[in-house]
Amino acid sequence: MTETTPYDADRARFTRQALARLVLCDHAVDVADGAAGLVATENDPDTGPGGRVSQAFQLIELAERALVSAVIYERERGSSWAEIAQYLGMSPTEAEDRFAANLHSWNAAFDVLYRLDETGRKCIPQLPTAAYDPSWACTQLDRWAGNRLILVNDEHPVSSGLVMASEDEAPPVTP
């Protein structure tokens, strides 16, 4: 699909490593916010039997998603399967096998940025939202980190550390 969107030129300013890092940041926020929901006790009476178990179990799902994003980010920044596997307690082959489909989907999303929905009229982005619209993600993640990370004094605690594309690295955007 060759149609363009307003986000394409903006996304071209970011390296794939930066886009992967934004996705990891976004997924980490989901984990942190999910965990924060388990801290306060005030609403416990409003939660049905087993409700807190449901919330805790959802954290596992969110953490798994963050782990996949971390692996993709590490691969984008050049980490080997051996380097990744050492932290997972498995062999490099096991690590590659476990995350191969996720990495393939990530790579494929750059080849085919959009798919049509079932009606054939609406383009659905294949990249996660933080990679699809990185400027929005930077704004949201910088705000989140600035409000919650006490010892961070950077005005842009997320976006300031991203590896951006140089002028000659950014792919041309076709109209």
Protein backbone atom coordinates (compact mmCIF):
# COMPACT_ATOMS: atom_id res chain seq x y z
CA MET A 1 0.00 0.00 0.00
CA THR A 2 1.60 3.26 -1.09
CA GLU A 3 -0.78 5.79 0.42
CA THR A 4 0.85 8.26 2.76
CA THR A 5 -0.34 9.79 6.01
CA PRO A 6 0.64 12.97 7.86
CA TYR A 7 2.78 10.83 10.21
CA ASP A 8 5.12 9.40 7.57
CA ALA A 9 7.46 12.40 7.25
CA ASP A 10 7.58 12.79 11.02
CA ARG A 11 8.34 9.10 11.53
CA ALA A 12 11.22 9.37 9.04
CA ARG A 13 13.04 11.67 11.50
CA PHE A 14 13.38 8.75 13.91
CA THR A 15 15.67 5.75 13.59
CA ARG A 16 14.14 2.32 13.91
CA GLN A 17 16.04 2.05 17.18
CA ALA A 18 14.32 5.21 18.45
CA LEU A 19 10.92 3.95 17.33
CA ALA A 20 11.51 0.64 19.09
CA ARG A 21 12.56 2.50 22.24
CA LEU A 22 9.38 4.57 22.16
CA VAL A 23 7.31 1.40 21.92
CA LEU A 24 9.21 -0.05 24.88
CA CYS A 25 8.63 3.17 26.86
CA ASP A 26 4.92 3.06 26.04
CA HIS A 27 4.62 -0.56 27.15
CA ALA A 28 6.60 0.19 30.33
CA VAL A 29 4.09 2.95 31.14
CA ASP A 30 1.28 0.41 30.78
CA VAL A 31 3.04 -1.90 33.26
CA ALA A 32 3.72 0.94 35.71
CA ASP A 33 0.17 2.25 35.54
CA GLY A 34 -1.22 -1.26 35.90
CA ALA A 35 0.91 -1.88 38.97
CA ALA A 36 -0.08 1.50 40.43
CA GLY A 37 -3.71 0.41 40.23
CA LEU A 38 -2.96 -2.32 42.75
CA VAL A 39 -1.45 0.02 45.34
CA ALA A 40 -4.44 1.97 46.68
CA THR A 41 -6.88 0.09 48.87
CA GLU A 42 -9.74 2.60 48.89
CA ASN A 43 -11.62 0.92 46.03
CA ASP A 44 -11.20 -2.65 47.26
CA PRO A 45 -14.89 -2.91 48.28
CA ASP A 46 -15.86 -2.03 44.69
CA THR A 47 -13.80 -4.90 43.31
CA GLY A 48 -15.58 -8.23 43.06
CA PRO A 49 -14.11 -11.47 44.36
CA GLY A 50 -10.92 -12.25 42.49
CA GLY A 51 -10.73 -8.76 41.02
CA ARG A 52 -7.28 -7.97 42.33
CA VAL A 53 -6.02 -11.32 41.01
CA SER A 54 -7.36 -10.28 37.62
CA GLN A 55 -5.44 -7.02 37.82
CA ALA A 56 -2.24 -8.78 38.88
CA PHE A 57 -2.61 -11.31 36.09
CA GLN A 58 -3.04 -8.48 33.60
CA LEU A 59 0.34 -7.16 34.79
CA ILE A 60 1.93 -10.40 33.59
CA GLU A 61 0.41 -9.88 30.15
CA LEU A 62 1.57 -6.25 30.08
CA ALA A 63 5.05 -7.27 31.25
CA GLU A 64 5.24 -9.91 28.51
CA ARG A 65 4.39 -7.23 25.95
CA ALA A 66 7.11 -4.99 27.44
CA LEU A 67 9.57 -7.90 27.26
CA VAL A 68 8.84 -8.41 23.57
CA SER A 69 9.36 -4.67 23.02
CA ALA A 70 12.63 -4.80 24.96
CA VAL A 71 13.90 -7.65 22.79
CA ILE A 72 12.95 -5.78 19.61
CA TYR A 73 14.67 -2.65 20.91
CA GLU A 74 17.80 -4.60 21.82
CA ARG A 75 17.92 -6.17 18.37
CA GLU A 76 17.45 -2.72 16.77
CA ARG A 77 20.36 -1.36 18.78
CA GLY A 78 22.57 -4.25 17.72
CA SER A 79 22.43 -6.66 20.66
CA SER A 80 23.14 -10.26 19.71
CA TRP A 81 20.85 -13.15 20.57
CA ALA A 82 23.57 -14.36 22.97
CA GLU A 83 23.56 -11.01 24.79
CA ILE A 84 19.77 -11.03 25.05
CA ALA A 85 19.56 -14.72 26.01
CA GLN A 86 21.88 -14.32 28.99
CA TYR A 87 19.26 -12.16 30.71
CA LEU A 88 16.45 -14.54 29.84
CA GLY A 89 18.18 -17.62 31.23
CA MET A 90 18.01 -19.47 27.94
CA SER A 91 20.19 -20.29 24.98
CA PRO A 92 20.54 -17.82 22.11
CA THR A 93 18.67 -20.26 19.84
CA GLU A 94 15.80 -20.51 22.33
CA ALA A 95 15.63 -16.71 22.60
CA GLU A 96 15.63 -16.27 18.85
CA ASP A 97 12.95 -18.94 18.44
CA ARG A 98 10.79 -17.40 21.16
CA PHE A 99 10.85 -13.90 19.69
CA ALA A 100 11.28 -14.59 15.97
CA ALA A 101 7.61 -14.06 15.10
CA ASN A 102 7.50 -10.76 17.01
CA LEU A 103 10.65 -9.53 15.32
CA HIS A 104 9.32 -10.61 11.94
CA SER A 105 6.07 -8.66 12.54
CA TRP A 106 8.07 -5.58 13.56
CA ASN A 107 10.23 -5.76 10.43
CA ALA A 108 7.26 -6.49 8.16
CA ALA A 109 5.44 -3.41 9.48
CA PHE A 110 8.12 -1.22 7.90
CA ASP A 111 7.64 -2.92 4.54
CA VAL A 112 3.84 -2.72 4.62
CA LEU A 113 2.92 0.15 6.93
CA TYR A 114 -0.84 -0.25 6.55
CA ARG A 115 -3.46 -2.87 5.83
CA LEU A 116 -7.03 -2.27 4.84
CA ASP A 117 -9.76 -3.06 7.33
CA GLU A 118 -12.48 -5.57 6.51
CA THR A 119 -14.47 -2.92 4.63
CA GLY A 120 -11.49 -2.14 2.41
CA ARG A 121 -11.84 1.58 3.07
CA LYS A 122 -9.77 2.30 6.18
CA CYS A 123 -5.98 1.99 6.52
CA ILE A 124 -4.88 0.24 9.71
CA PRO A 125 -1.30 0.97 10.82
CA GLN A 126 0.84 -2.13 11.34
CA LEU A 127 3.27 -0.40 13.69
CA PRO A 128 2.45 0.09 17.36
CA THR A 129 1.01 3.56 18.03
CA ALA A 130 4.21 4.89 19.63
CA ALA A 131 6.19 4.02 16.48
CA TYR A 132 3.45 5.04 14.06
CA ASP A 133 3.08 8.54 15.55
CA PRO A 134 6.35 9.17 17.38
CA SER A 135 5.87 12.90 17.97
CA TRP A 136 2.65 12.22 19.85
CA ALA A 137 4.38 9.42 21.75
CA CYS A 138 7.29 11.69 22.71
CA THR A 139 4.92 14.33 24.05
CA GLN A 140 2.88 11.82 26.04
CA LEU A 141 5.87 9.88 27.38
CA ASP A 142 7.84 13.01 28.29
CA ARG A 143 4.80 14.28 30.20
CA TRP A 144 4.26 10.92 31.94
CA ALA A 145 7.92 10.64 32.98
CA GLY A 146 8.09 14.28 34.06
CA ASN A 147 5.06 13.83 36.32
CA ARG A 148 6.11 10.52 37.86
CA LEU A 149 9.89 10.20 37.91
CA ILE A 150 11.01 12.22 40.89
CA LEU A 151 14.76 12.35 40.32
CA VAL A 152 14.57 13.22 36.62
CA ASN A 153 15.31 16.88 35.95
CA ASP A 154 15.23 16.72 32.16
CA GLU A 155 12.43 18.65 30.46
CA HIS A 156 12.23 15.84 27.89
CA PRO A 157 13.17 12.72 29.89
CA VAL A 158 12.18 10.29 27.14
CA SER A 159 12.66 12.07 23.84
CA SER A 160 16.02 13.68 24.70
CA GLY A 161 17.80 10.31 24.76
CA LEU A 162 16.51 8.94 21.47
CA VAL A 163 18.82 8.22 18.55
CA MET A 164 17.39 10.29 15.72
CA ALA A 165 17.92 9.79 12.00
CA SER A 166 20.40 12.08 10.33
CA GLU A 167 19.28 14.03 7.28
CA ASP A 168 20.94 11.57 4.92
CA GLU A 169 19.61 8.49 6.79
CA ALA A 170 15.96 9.50 6.71
CA PRO A 171 14.21 7.74 3.85
CA PRO A 172 12.50 10.00 1.33
CA VAL A 173 8.77 10.30 1.78
CA THR A 174 6.83 9.95 -1.44
CA PRO A 175 3.69 12.05 -1.78
